Amino acid sequence: QVQLVESGGGTVQAGGSLRLSCAASGMMPGTVTMAWIRQTPEKERERVATFGIDGTTNYANSVQGQFTISKDNAKNTLYLQMSSLKPEDTAMYYCGAFPAGWVGPKYWGRGTQVTVTS
């Protein structure tokens, strides 16, 4: 059974940084694409960063140069380093895993809340 557990969210002032973690279990590291997706009540869901099976990374334009996605296969953990945070980065952040052939996450974590105050 695949499980994704996010942690590291919290409240931070604008300009601050946070590092989110997503601990994965029930699947072999390096066999799925993983991503961070955020959602607010006002906005549509947005995939902010992706870590491909081949190790390539992609970012939404809105976070390019601000967020960094990384993965530790030994720990089977995905990270999202967020810096220069802005109030508009406030959202629930979810970790998702895409098996080959899936265009969206098949597996989801429960999310971790990030709140950025001005």
PDB file of N, CA and C in Angstrom:
ATOM      1  N   GLN A   1       0.853  -1.191   0.000  1.00  0.00           N
ATOM      2  CA  GLN A   1       0.000   0.000   0.000  1.00  0.00           C
ATOM      3  C   GLN A   1       0.886   1.236   0.000  1.00  0.00           C
ATOM      4  N   VAL A   2       0.664   2.105  -0.985  1.00  0.00           N
ATOM      5  CA  VAL A   2       1.461   3.322  -1.103  1.00  0.00           C
ATOM      6  C   VAL A   2       0.944   4.365  -0.119  1.00  0.00           C
ATOM      7  N   GLN A   3       1.866   4.963   0.596  1.00  0.00           N
ATOM      8  CA  GLN A   3       1.524   6.066   1.496  1.00  0.00           C
ATOM      9  C   GLN A   3       2.485   7.212   1.270  1.00  0.00           C
ATOM     10  N   LEU A   4       1.940   8.409   1.268  1.00  0.00           N
ATOM     11  CA  LEU A   4       2.725   9.632   1.166  1.00  0.00           C
ATOM     12  C   LEU A   4       2.364  10.510   2.354  1.00  0.00           C
ATOM     13  N   VAL A   5       3.364  10.913   3.104  1.00  0.00           N
ATOM     14  CA  VAL A   5       3.119  11.706   4.300  1.00  0.00           C
ATOM     15  C   VAL A   5       3.946  12.986   4.234  1.00  0.00           C
ATOM     16  N   GLU A   6       3.238  14.110   4.132  1.00  0.00           N
ATOM     17  CA  GLU A   6       3.909  15.394   4.068  1.00  0.00           C
ATOM     18  C   GLU A   6       4.156  15.958   5.463  1.00  0.00           C
ATOM     19  N   SER A   7       5.186  16.777   5.554  1.00  0.00           N
ATOM     20  CA  SER A   7       5.471  17.497   6.798  1.00  0.00           C
ATOM     21  C   SER A   7       6.266  18.751   6.454  1.00  0.00           C
ATOM     22  N   GLY A   8       6.409  19.628   7.429  1.00  0.00           N
ATOM     23  CA  GLY A   8       7.241  20.806   7.252  1.00  0.00           C
ATOM     24  C   GLY A   8       6.494  22.091   7.017  1.00  0.00           C
ATOM     25  N   GLY A   9       5.193  22.015   6.882  1.00  0.00           N
ATOM     26  CA  GLY A   9       4.428  23.241   6.692  1.00  0.00           C
ATOM     27  C   GLY A   9       4.387  24.055   7.969  1.00  0.00           C
ATOM     28  N   GLY A  10       3.847  25.253   7.857  1.00  0.00           N
ATOM     29  CA  GLY A  10       3.744  26.121   9.011  1.00  0.00           C
ATOM     30  C   GLY A  10       3.447  27.529   8.585  1.00  0.00           C
ATOM     31  N   THR A  11       3.593  28.450   9.525  1.00  0.00           N
ATOM     32  CA  THR A  11       3.374  29.860   9.271  1.00  0.00           C
ATOM     33  C   THR A  11       4.702  30.580   9.282  1.00  0.00           C
ATOM     34  N   VAL A  12       4.917  31.375   8.267  1.00  0.00           N
ATOM     35  CA  VAL A  12       6.181  32.086   8.119  1.00  0.00           C
ATOM     36  C   VAL A  12       5.902  33.487   7.584  1.00  0.00           C
ATOM     37  N   GLN A  13       6.752  34.422   7.928  1.00  0.00           N
ATOM     38  CA  GLN A  13       6.597  35.770   7.406  1.00  0.00           C
ATOM     39  C   GLN A  13       7.076  35.832   5.959  1.00  0.00           C
ATOM     40  N   ALA A  14       6.537  36.789   5.230  1.00  0.00           N
ATOM     41  CA  ALA A  14       6.964  36.990   3.848  1.00  0.00           C
ATOM     42  C   ALA A  14       8.475  37.190   3.796  1.00  0.00           C
ATOM     43  N   GLY A  15       9.082  36.557   2.792  1.00  0.00           N
ATOM     44  CA  GLY A  15      10.533  36.586   2.676  1.00  0.00           C
ATOM     45  C   GLY A  15      11.224  35.413   3.326  1.00  0.00           C
ATOM     46  N   GLY A  16      10.485  34.673   4.122  1.00  0.00           N
ATOM     47  CA  GLY A  16      11.062  33.541   4.829  1.00  0.00           C
ATOM     48  C   GLY A  16      11.137  32.299   3.962  1.00  0.00           C
ATOM     49  N   SER A  17      11.588  31.217   4.591  1.00  0.00           N
ATOM     50  CA  SER A  17      11.773  29.953   3.890  1.00  0.00           C
ATOM     51  C   SER A  17      11.159  28.807   4.680  1.00  0.00           C
ATOM     52  N   LEU A  18      10.802  27.770   3.956  1.00  0.00           N
ATOM     53  CA  LEU A  18      10.344  26.519   4.554  1.00  0.00           C
ATOM     54  C   LEU A  18      10.834  25.375   3.679  1.00  0.00           C
ATOM     55  N   ARG A  19      11.016  24.223   4.302  1.00  0.00           N
ATOM     56  CA  ARG A  19      11.306  23.014   3.540  1.00  0.00           C
ATOM     57  C   ARG A  19      10.249  21.976   3.860  1.00  0.00           C
ATOM     58  N   LEU A  20       9.546  21.559   2.828  1.00  0.00           N
ATOM     59  CA  LEU A  20       8.548  20.509   2.968  1.00  0.00           C
ATOM     60  C   LEU A  20       9.185  19.159   2.671  1.00  0.00           C
ATOM     61  N   SER A  21       8.681  18.145   3.350  1.00  0.00           N
ATOM     62  CA  SER A  21       9.133  16.780   3.123  1.00  0.00           C
ATOM     63  C   SER A  21       7.941  15.891   2.815  1.00  0.00           C
ATOM     64  N   CYS A  22       8.169  14.881   2.013  1.00  0.00           N
ATOM     65  CA  CYS A  22       7.145  13.894   1.699  1.00  0.00           C
ATOM     66  C   CYS A  22       7.792  12.523   1.802  1.00  0.00           C
ATOM     67  N   ALA A  23       7.451  11.810   2.859  1.00  0.00           N
ATOM     68  CA  ALA A  23       7.993  10.470   3.074  1.00  0.00           C
ATOM     69  C   ALA A  23       7.101   9.461   2.370  1.00  0.00           C
ATOM     70  N   ALA A  24       7.691   8.688   1.470  1.00  0.00           N
ATOM     71  CA  ALA A  24       6.946   7.716   0.686  1.00  0.00           C
ATOM     72  C   ALA A  24       7.224   6.306   1.182  1.00  0.00           C
ATOM     73  N   SER A  25       6.205   5.483   1.139  1.00  0.00           N
ATOM     74  CA  SER A  25       6.376   4.074   1.480  1.00  0.00           C
ATOM     75  C   SER A  25       5.472   3.243   0.578  1.00  0.00           C
ATOM     76  N   GLY A  26       5.816   1.987   0.438  1.00  0.00           N
ATOM     77  CA  GLY A  26       5.008   1.092  -0.377  1.00  0.00           C
ATOM     78  C   GLY A  26       5.318   1.141  -1.852  1.00  0.00           C
ATOM     79  N   MET A  27       6.379   1.851  -2.236  1.00  0.00           N
ATOM     80  CA  MET A  27       6.770   1.883  -3.635  1.00  0.00           C
ATOM     81  C   MET A  27       8.281   2.059  -3.703  1.00  0.00           C
ATOM     82  N   MET A  28       8.863   1.518  -4.761  1.00  0.00           N
ATOM     83  CA  MET A  28      10.308   1.611  -4.914  1.00  0.00           C
ATOM     84  C   MET A  28      10.685   3.017  -5.358  1.00  0.00           C
ATOM     85  N   PRO A  29      11.683   3.628  -4.728  1.00  0.00           N
ATOM     86  CA  PRO A  29      12.111   4.957  -5.166  1.00  0.00           C
ATOM     87  C   PRO A  29      12.625   4.908  -6.595  1.00  0.00           C
ATOM     88  N   GLY A  30      12.374   5.963  -7.329  1.00  0.00           N
ATOM     89  CA  GLY A  30      12.846   6.028  -8.701  1.00  0.00           C
ATOM     90  C   GLY A  30      11.953   5.319  -9.701  1.00  0.00           C
ATOM     91  N   THR A  31      10.787   4.870  -9.289  1.00  0.00           N
ATOM     92  CA  THR A  31       9.886   4.167 -10.207  1.00  0.00           C
ATOM     93  C   THR A  31       8.660   4.993 -10.569  1.00  0.00           C
ATOM     94  N   VAL A  32       8.515   6.139  -9.928  1.00  0.00           N
ATOM     95  CA  VAL A  32       7.367   6.997 -10.208  1.00  0.00           C
ATOM     96  C   VAL A  32       7.838   8.443 -10.303  1.00  0.00           C
ATOM     97  N   THR A  33       7.096   9.211 -11.051  1.00  0.00           N
ATOM     98  CA  THR A  33       7.276  10.662 -11.033  1.00  0.00           C
ATOM     99  C   THR A  33       6.604  11.193  -9.784  1.00  0.00           C
ATOM    100  N   MET A  34       7.241  12.157  -9.142  1.00  0.00           N
ATOM    101  CA  MET A  34       6.644  12.743  -7.948  1.00  0.00           C
ATOM    102  C   MET A  34       6.554  14.249  -8.113  1.00  0.00           C
ATOM    103  N   ALA A  35       5.611  14.827  -7.428  1.00  0.00           N
ATOM    104  CA  ALA A  35       5.373  16.254  -7.606  1.00  0.00           C
ATOM    105  C   ALA A  35       4.791  16.868  -6.347  1.00  0.00           C
ATOM    106  N   TRP A  36       4.920  18.164  -6.264  1.00  0.00           N
ATOM    107  CA  TRP A  36       4.256  18.977  -5.250  1.00  0.00           C
ATOM    108  C   TRP A  36       3.154  19.762  -5.942  1.00  0.00           C
ATOM    109  N   ILE A  37       1.987  19.691  -5.366  1.00  0.00           N
ATOM    110  CA  ILE A  37       0.816  20.372  -5.901  1.00  0.00           C
ATOM    111  C   ILE A  37       0.233  21.210  -4.760  1.00  0.00           C
ATOM    112  N   ARG A  38      -0.182  22.413  -5.077  1.00  0.00           N
ATOM    113  CA  ARG A  38      -0.786  23.249  -4.041  1.00  0.00           C
ATOM    114  C   ARG A  38      -2.186  23.670  -4.438  1.00  0.00           C
ATOM    115  N   GLN A  39      -2.964  23.948  -3.430  1.00  0.00           N
ATOM    116  CA  GLN A  39      -4.340  24.360  -3.688  1.00  0.00           C
ATOM    117  C   GLN A  39      -4.815  25.301  -2.607  1.00  0.00           C
ATOM    118  N   THR A  40      -5.514  26.350  -3.033  1.00  0.00           N
ATOM    119  CA  THR A  40      -6.176  27.265  -2.121  1.00  0.00           C
ATOM    120  C   THR A  40      -7.665  27.216  -2.424  1.00  0.00           C
ATOM    121  N   PRO A  41      -8.484  27.666  -1.512  1.00  0.00           N
ATOM    122  CA  PRO A  41      -9.928  27.673  -1.787  1.00  0.00           C
ATOM    123  C   PRO A  41     -10.292  28.568  -2.977  1.00  0.00           C
ATOM    124  N   GLU A  42      -9.464  29.588  -3.232  1.00  0.00           N
ATOM    125  CA  GLU A  42      -9.823  30.544  -4.290  1.00  0.00           C
ATOM    126  C   GLU A  42      -9.288  30.140  -5.665  1.00  0.00           C
ATOM    127  N   LYS A  43      -8.208  29.356  -5.681  1.00  0.00           N
ATOM    128  CA  LYS A  43      -7.542  29.069  -6.942  1.00  0.00           C
ATOM    129  C   LYS A  43      -7.674  27.606  -7.317  1.00  0.00           C
ATOM    130  N   GLU A  44      -7.436  27.352  -8.563  1.00  0.00           N
ATOM    131  CA  GLU A  44      -7.374  25.978  -9.009  1.00  0.00           C
ATOM    132  C   GLU A  44      -6.102  25.320  -8.455  1.00  0.00           C
ATOM    133  N   ARG A  45      -6.135  24.011  -8.474  1.00  0.00           N
ATOM    134  CA  ARG A  45      -4.960  23.256  -8.066  1.00  0.00           C
ATOM    135  C   ARG A  45      -3.813  23.571  -9.022  1.00  0.00           C
ATOM    136  N   GLU A  46      -2.622  23.723  -8.485  1.00  0.00           N
ATOM    137  CA  GLU A  46      -1.457  24.058  -9.296  1.00  0.00           C
ATOM    138  C   GLU A  46      -0.301  23.111  -8.969  1.00  0.00           C
ATOM    139  N   ARG A  47       0.226  22.473  -9.992  1.00  0.00           N
ATOM    140  CA  ARG A  47       1.412  21.651  -9.797  1.00  0.00           C
ATOM    141  C   ARG A  47       2.617  22.572  -9.799  1.00  0.00           C
ATOM    142  N   VAL A  48       3.310  22.721  -8.712  1.00  0.00           N
ATOM    143  CA  VAL A  48       4.378  23.711  -8.638  1.00  0.00           C
ATOM    144  C   VAL A  48       5.740  23.131  -8.989  1.00  0.00           C
ATOM    145  N   ALA A  49       5.950  21.841  -8.747  1.00  0.00           N
ATOM    146  CA  ALA A  49       7.262  21.259  -9.039  1.00  0.00           C
ATOM    147  C   ALA A  49       7.131  19.768  -9.254  1.00  0.00           C
ATOM    148  N   THR A  50       7.913  19.250 -10.202  1.00  0.00           N
ATOM    149  CA  THR A  50       7.874  17.839 -10.565  1.00  0.00           C
ATOM    150  C   THR A  50       9.278  17.256 -10.576  1.00  0.00           C
ATOM    151  N   PHE A  51       9.394  16.043 -10.060  1.00  0.00           N
ATOM    152  CA  PHE A  51      10.666  15.312 -10.093  1.00  0.00           C
ATOM    153  C   PHE A  51      10.423  14.032 -10.868  1.00  0.00           C
ATOM    154  N   GLY A  52      10.979  13.977 -12.085  1.00  0.00           N
ATOM    155  CA  GLY A  52      10.723  12.850 -12.961  1.00  0.00           C
ATOM    156  C   GLY A  52      11.482  11.589 -12.584  1.00  0.00           C
ATOM    157  N   ILE A  53      11.032  10.490 -13.186  1.00  0.00           N
ATOM    158  CA  ILE A  53      11.688   9.198 -12.943  1.00  0.00           C
ATOM    159  C   ILE A  53      13.162   9.263 -13.317  1.00  0.00           C
ATOM    160  N   ASP A  54      13.447  10.056 -14.368  1.00  0.00           N
ATOM    161  CA  ASP A  54      14.830  10.177 -14.827  1.00  0.00           C
ATOM    162  C   ASP A  54      15.602  11.267 -14.089  1.00  0.00           C
ATOM    163  N   GLY A  55      14.977  11.861 -13.083  1.00  0.00           N
ATOM    164  CA  GLY A  55      15.667  12.871 -12.290  1.00  0.00           C
ATOM    165  C   GLY A  55      15.519  14.290 -12.797  1.00  0.00           C
ATOM    166  N   THR A  56      14.808  14.457 -13.903  1.00  0.00           N
ATOM    167  CA  THR A  56      14.599  15.810 -14.401  1.00  0.00           C
ATOM    168  C   THR A  56      13.586  16.526 -13.514  1.00  0.00           C
ATOM    169  N   THR A  57      13.727  17.834 -13.445  1.00  0.00           N
ATOM    170  CA  THR A  57      12.825  18.638 -12.625  1.00  0.00           C
ATOM    171  C   THR A  57      12.146  19.686 -13.482  1.00  0.00           C
ATOM    172  N   ASN A  58      10.936  20.019 -13.102  1.00  0.00           N
ATOM    173  CA  ASN A  58      10.193  21.074 -13.783  1.00  0.00           C
ATOM    174  C   ASN A  58       9.453  21.896 -12.753  1.00  0.00           C
ATOM    175  N   TYR A  59       9.270  23.159 -13.065  1.00  0.00           N
ATOM    176  CA  TYR A  59       8.622  24.084 -12.136  1.00  0.00           C
ATOM    177  C   TYR A  59       7.565  24.898 -12.844  1.00  0.00           C
ATOM    178  N   ALA A  60       6.538  25.239 -12.099  1.00  0.00           N
ATOM    179  CA  ALA A  60       5.572  26.196 -12.601  1.00  0.00           C
ATOM    180  C   ALA A  60       6.249  27.557 -12.725  1.00  0.00           C
ATOM    181  N   ASN A  61       5.803  28.339 -13.684  1.00  0.00           N
ATOM    182  CA  ASN A  61       6.385  29.669 -13.871  1.00  0.00           C
ATOM    183  C   ASN A  61       6.285  30.502 -12.596  1.00  0.00           C
ATOM    184  N   SER A  62       5.225  30.270 -11.844  1.00  0.00           N
ATOM    185  CA  SER A  62       4.972  31.079 -10.652  1.00  0.00           C
ATOM    186  C   SER A  62       6.003  30.875  -9.546  1.00  0.00           C
ATOM    187  N   VAL A  63       6.763  29.750  -9.601  1.00  0.00           N
ATOM    188  CA  VAL A  63       7.727  29.462  -8.540  1.00  0.00           C
ATOM    189  C   VAL A  63       9.136  29.255  -9.072  1.00  0.00           C
ATOM    190  N   GLN A  64       9.311  29.426 -10.362  1.00  0.00           N
ATOM    191  CA  GLN A  64      10.631  29.236 -10.969  1.00  0.00           C
ATOM    192  C   GLN A  64      11.651  30.149 -10.294  1.00  0.00           C
ATOM    193  N   GLY A  65      12.751  29.565  -9.868  1.00  0.00           N
ATOM    194  CA  GLY A  65      13.793  30.322  -9.201  1.00  0.00           C
ATOM    195  C   GLY A  65      13.546  30.561  -7.719  1.00  0.00           C
ATOM    196  N   GLN A  66      12.387  30.174  -7.251  1.00  0.00           N
ATOM    197  CA  GLN A  66      12.016  30.407  -5.857  1.00  0.00           C
ATOM    198  C   GLN A  66      11.945  29.097  -5.077  1.00  0.00           C
ATOM    199  N   PHE A  67      11.450  28.044  -5.718  1.00  0.00           N
ATOM    200  CA  PHE A  67      11.312  26.736  -5.110  1.00  0.00           C
ATOM    201  C   PHE A  67      12.303  25.773  -5.756  1.00  0.00           C
ATOM    202  N   THR A  68      12.753  24.792  -4.957  1.00  0.00           N
ATOM    203  CA  THR A  68      13.631  23.746  -5.461  1.00  0.00           C
ATOM    204  C   THR A  68      13.124  22.394  -4.987  1.00  0.00           C
ATOM    205  N   ILE A  69      12.886  21.501  -5.943  1.00  0.00           N
ATOM    206  CA  ILE A  69      12.447  20.150  -5.617  1.00  0.00           C
ATOM    207  C   ILE A  69      13.654  19.222  -5.638  1.00  0.00           C
ATOM    208  N   SER A  70      13.685  18.293  -4.700  1.00  0.00           N
ATOM    209  CA  SER A  70      14.772  17.325  -4.658  1.00  0.00           C
ATOM    210  C   SER A  70      14.251  16.025  -4.073  1.00  0.00           C
ATOM    211  N   LYS A  71      15.062  14.988  -4.194  1.00  0.00           N
ATOM    212  CA  LYS A  71      14.613  13.663  -3.740  1.00  0.00           C
ATOM    213  C   LYS A  71      15.798  12.904  -3.179  1.00  0.00           C
ATOM    214  N   ASP A  72      15.580  12.228  -2.086  1.00  0.00           N
ATOM    215  CA  ASP A  72      16.577  11.361  -1.481  1.00  0.00           C
ATOM    216  C   ASP A  72      16.076   9.931  -1.611  1.00  0.00           C
ATOM    217  N   ASN A  73      16.607   9.207  -2.589  1.00  0.00           N
ATOM    218  CA  ASN A  73      16.113   7.844  -2.822  1.00  0.00           C
ATOM    219  C   ASN A  73      16.436   6.912  -1.653  1.00  0.00           C
ATOM    220  N   ALA A  74      17.529   7.179  -0.960  1.00  0.00           N
ATOM    221  CA  ALA A  74      17.884   6.320   0.174  1.00  0.00           C
ATOM    222  C   ALA A  74      16.831   6.414   1.273  1.00  0.00           C
ATOM    223  N   LYS A  75      16.243   7.591   1.406  1.00  0.00           N
ATOM    224  CA  LYS A  75      15.202   7.796   2.421  1.00  0.00           C
ATOM    225  C   LYS A  75      13.815   7.714   1.815  1.00  0.00           C
ATOM    226  N   ASN A  76      13.750   7.585   0.495  1.00  0.00           N
ATOM    227  CA  ASN A  76      12.466   7.585  -0.218  1.00  0.00           C
ATOM    228  C   ASN A  76      11.636   8.804   0.174  1.00  0.00           C
ATOM    229  N   THR A  77      12.282   9.942   0.145  1.00  0.00           N
ATOM    230  CA  THR A  77      11.656  11.192   0.588  1.00  0.00           C
ATOM    231  C   THR A  77      11.851  12.272  -0.464  1.00  0.00           C
ATOM    232  N   LEU A  78      10.774  12.980  -0.719  1.00  0.00           N
ATOM    233  CA  LEU A  78      10.753  14.110  -1.647  1.00  0.00           C
ATOM    234  C   LEU A  78      10.757  15.390  -0.828  1.00  0.00           C
ATOM    235  N   TYR A  79      11.455  16.399  -1.324  1.00  0.00           N
ATOM    236  CA  TYR A  79      11.543  17.671  -0.615  1.00  0.00           C
ATOM    237  C   TYR A  79      11.115  18.814  -1.516  1.00  0.00           C
ATOM    238  N   LEU A  80      10.707  19.891  -0.880  1.00  0.00           N
ATOM    239  CA  LEU A  80      10.467  21.145  -1.586  1.00  0.00           C
ATOM    240  C   LEU A  80      11.037  22.263  -0.729  1.00  0.00           C
ATOM    241  N   GLN A  81      12.128  22.828  -1.183  1.00  0.00           N
ATOM    242  CA  GLN A  81      12.718  23.977  -0.515  1.00  0.00           C
ATOM    243  C   GLN A  81      12.072  25.232  -1.080  1.00  0.00           C
ATOM    244  N   MET A  82      11.446  26.003  -0.225  1.00  0.00           N
ATOM    245  CA  MET A  82      10.743  27.200  -0.644  1.00  0.00           C
ATOM    246  C   MET A  82      11.422  28.405  -0.004  1.00  0.00           C
ATOM    247  N   SER A  83      11.773  29.370  -0.823  1.00  0.00           N
ATOM    248  CA  SER A  83      12.424  30.559  -0.301  1.00  0.00           C
ATOM    249  C   SER A  83      11.715  31.800  -0.813  1.00  0.00           C
ATOM    250  N   SER A  84      12.068  32.934  -0.221  1.00  0.00           N
ATOM    251  CA  SER A  84      11.444  34.206  -0.592  1.00  0.00           C
ATOM    252  C   SER A  84       9.927  34.075  -0.669  1.00  0.00           C
ATOM    253  N   LEU A  85       9.368  33.476   0.338  1.00  0.00           N
ATOM    254  CA  LEU A  85       7.937  33.196   0.316  1.00  0.00           C
ATOM    255  C   LEU A  85       7.110  34.465   0.328  1.00  0.00           C
ATOM    256  N   LYS A  86       5.980  34.380  -0.368  1.00  0.00           N
ATOM    257  CA  LYS A  86       5.068  35.510  -0.510  1.00  0.00           C
ATOM    258  C   LYS A  86       3.692  35.101   0.024  1.00  0.00           C
ATOM    259  N   PRO A  87       2.887  36.059   0.398  1.00  0.00           N
ATOM    260  CA  PRO A  87       1.540  35.695   0.869  1.00  0.00           C
ATOM    261  C   PRO A  87       0.766  34.848  -0.149  1.00  0.00           C
ATOM    262  N   GLU A  88       1.002  35.075  -1.423  1.00  0.00           N
ATOM    263  CA  GLU A  88       0.284  34.300  -2.437  1.00  0.00           C
ATOM    264  C   GLU A  88       0.760  32.850  -2.534  1.00  0.00           C
ATOM    265  N   ASP A  89       1.816  32.496  -1.815  1.00  0.00           N
ATOM    266  CA  ASP A  89       2.238  31.097  -1.739  1.00  0.00           C
ATOM    267  C   ASP A  89       1.448  30.329  -0.686  1.00  0.00           C
ATOM    268  N   THR A  90       0.617  31.035   0.053  1.00  0.00           N
ATOM    269  CA  THR A  90      -0.208  30.389   1.057  1.00  0.00           C
ATOM    270  C   THR A  90      -1.142  29.382   0.398  1.00  0.00           C
ATOM    271  N   ALA A  91      -1.088  28.145   0.855  1.00  0.00           N
ATOM    272  CA  ALA A  91      -1.886  27.075   0.256  1.00  0.00           C
ATOM    273  C   ALA A  91      -1.690  25.795   1.059  1.00  0.00           C
ATOM    274  N   MET A  92      -2.507  24.817   0.749  1.00  0.00           N
ATOM    275  CA  MET A  92      -2.252  23.455   1.201  1.00  0.00           C
ATOM    276  C   MET A  92      -1.363  22.813   0.147  1.00  0.00           C
ATOM    277  N   TYR A  93      -0.257  22.249   0.592  1.00  0.00           N
ATOM    278  CA  TYR A  93       0.689  21.630  -0.322  1.00  0.00           C
ATOM    279  C   TYR A  93       0.589  20.109  -0.202  1.00  0.00           C
ATOM    280  N   TYR A  94       0.391  19.483  -1.345  1.00  0.00           N
ATOM    281  CA  TYR A  94       0.243  18.033  -1.409  1.00  0.00           C
ATOM    282  C   TYR A  94       1.408  17.418  -2.178  1.00  0.00           C
ATOM    283  N   CYS A  95       1.756  16.239  -1.775  1.00  0.00           N
ATOM    284  CA  CYS A  95       2.721  15.422  -2.496  1.00  0.00           C
ATOM    285  C   CYS A  95       1.928  14.407  -3.320  1.00  0.00           C
ATOM    286  N   GLY A  96       2.349  14.229  -4.571  1.00  0.00           N
ATOM    287  CA  GLY A  96       1.676  13.271  -5.429  1.00  0.00           C
ATOM    288  C   GLY A  96       2.661  12.368  -6.131  1.00  0.00           C
ATOM    289  N   ALA A  97       2.238  11.159  -6.436  1.00  0.00           N
ATOM    290  CA  ALA A  97       3.076  10.195  -7.148  1.00  0.00           C
ATOM    291  C   ALA A  97       2.335   9.692  -8.376  1.00  0.00           C
ATOM    292  N   PHE A  98       3.052   9.688  -9.530  1.00  0.00           N
ATOM    293  CA  PHE A  98       2.481   9.292 -10.809  1.00  0.00           C
ATOM    294  C   PHE A  98       3.206   8.048 -11.302  1.00  0.00           C
ATOM    295  N   PRO A  99       2.545   6.925 -11.352  1.00  0.00           N
ATOM    296  CA  PRO A  99       3.177   5.780 -12.026  1.00  0.00           C
ATOM    297  C   PRO A  99       3.316   6.077 -13.512  1.00  0.00           C
ATOM    298  N   ALA A 100       4.119   5.298 -14.201  1.00  0.00           N
ATOM    299  CA  ALA A 100       4.321   5.487 -15.632  1.00  0.00           C
ATOM    300  C   ALA A 100       2.981   5.442 -16.360  1.00  0.00           C
ATOM    301  N   GLY A 101       2.795   6.395 -17.256  1.00  0.00           N
ATOM    302  CA  GLY A 101       1.569   6.434 -18.032  1.00  0.00           C
ATOM    303  C   GLY A 101       0.478   7.316 -17.434  1.00  0.00           C
ATOM    304  N   TRP A 102       0.659   7.728 -16.197  1.00  0.00           N
ATOM    305  CA  TRP A 102      -0.331   8.601 -15.570  1.00  0.00           C
ATOM    306  C   TRP A 102       0.055  10.060 -15.823  1.00  0.00           C
ATOM    307  N   VAL A 103      -0.921  10.901 -16.117  1.00  0.00           N
ATOM    308  CA  VAL A 103      -0.642  12.324 -16.328  1.00  0.00           C
ATOM    309  C   VAL A 103      -0.898  13.134 -15.060  1.00  0.00           C
ATOM    310  N   GLY A 104      -1.489  12.517 -14.087  1.00  0.00           N
ATOM    311  CA  GLY A 104      -1.719  13.155 -12.806  1.00  0.00           C
ATOM    312  C   GLY A 104      -1.439  12.166 -11.706  1.00  0.00           C
ATOM    313  N   PRO A 105      -1.413  12.634 -10.473  1.00  0.00           N
ATOM    314  CA  PRO A 105      -1.082  11.717  -9.378  1.00  0.00           C
ATOM    315  C   PRO A 105      -2.108  10.602  -9.205  1.00  0.00           C
ATOM    316  N   LYS A 106      -1.596   9.409  -9.043  1.00  0.00           N
ATOM    317  CA  LYS A 106      -2.451   8.288  -8.652  1.00  0.00           C
ATOM    318  C   LYS A 106      -2.537   8.235  -7.135  1.00  0.00           C
ATOM    319  N   TYR A 107      -1.430   8.628  -6.506  1.00  0.00           N
ATOM    320  CA  TYR A 107      -1.351   8.590  -5.049  1.00  0.00           C
ATOM    321  C   TYR A 107      -1.155  10.011  -4.520  1.00  0.00           C
ATOM    322  N   TRP A 108      -1.834  10.301  -3.421  1.00  0.00           N
ATOM    323  CA  TRP A 108      -1.781  11.630  -2.813  1.00  0.00           C
ATOM    324  C   TRP A 108      -1.494  11.516  -1.323  1.00  0.00           C
ATOM    325  N   GLY A 109      -0.762  12.499  -0.817  1.00  0.00           N
ATOM    326  CA  GLY A 109      -0.672  12.649   0.622  1.00  0.00           C
ATOM    327  C   GLY A 109      -1.842  13.463   1.119  1.00  0.00           C
ATOM    328  N   ARG A 110      -1.882  13.691   2.417  1.00  0.00           N
ATOM    329  CA  ARG A 110      -2.988  14.450   3.017  1.00  0.00           C
ATOM    330  C   ARG A 110      -2.719  15.946   3.017  1.00  0.00           C
ATOM    331  N   GLY A 111      -1.503  16.332   2.721  1.00  0.00           N
ATOM    332  CA  GLY A 111      -1.193  17.748   2.609  1.00  0.00           C
ATOM    333  C   GLY A 111      -0.599  18.342   3.868  1.00  0.00           C
ATOM    334  N   THR A 112       0.084  19.452   3.670  1.00  0.00           N
ATOM    335  CA  THR A 112       0.626  20.233   4.777  1.00  0.00           C
ATOM    336  C   THR A 112       0.382  21.707   4.465  1.00  0.00           C
ATOM    337  N   GLN A 113      -0.127  22.431   5.436  1.00  0.00           N
ATOM    338  CA  GLN A 113      -0.524  23.824   5.215  1.00  0.00           C
ATOM    339  C   GLN A 113       0.675  24.753   5.323  1.00  0.00           C
ATOM    340  N   VAL A 114       0.780  25.627   4.352  1.00  0.00           N
ATOM    341  CA  VAL A 114       1.784  26.696   4.379  1.00  0.00           C
ATOM    342  C   VAL A 114       1.043  28.021   4.399  1.00  0.00           C
ATOM    343  N   THR A 115       1.340  28.835   5.380  1.00  0.00           N
ATOM    344  CA  THR A 115       0.731  30.147   5.494  1.00  0.00           C
ATOM    345  C   THR A 115       1.833  31.191   5.562  1.00  0.00           C
ATOM    346  N   VAL A 116       1.776  32.148   4.654  1.00  0.00           N
ATOM    347  CA  VAL A 116       2.775  33.212   4.601  1.00  0.00           C
ATOM    348  C   VAL A 116       2.094  34.527   4.961  1.00  0.00           C
ATOM    349  N   THR A 117       2.571  35.157   6.008  1.00  0.00           N
ATOM    350  CA  THR A 117       1.975  36.406   6.476  1.00  0.00           C
ATOM    351  C   THR A 117       2.770  37.596   5.959  1.00  0.00           C
ATOM    352  N   SER A 118       2.068  38.684   5.751  1.00  0.00           N
ATOM    353  CA  SER A 118       2.746  39.893   5.239  1.00  0.00           C
ATOM    354  C   SER A 118       3.215  40.773   6.375  1.00  0.00           C
TER     355      SER A 118
END
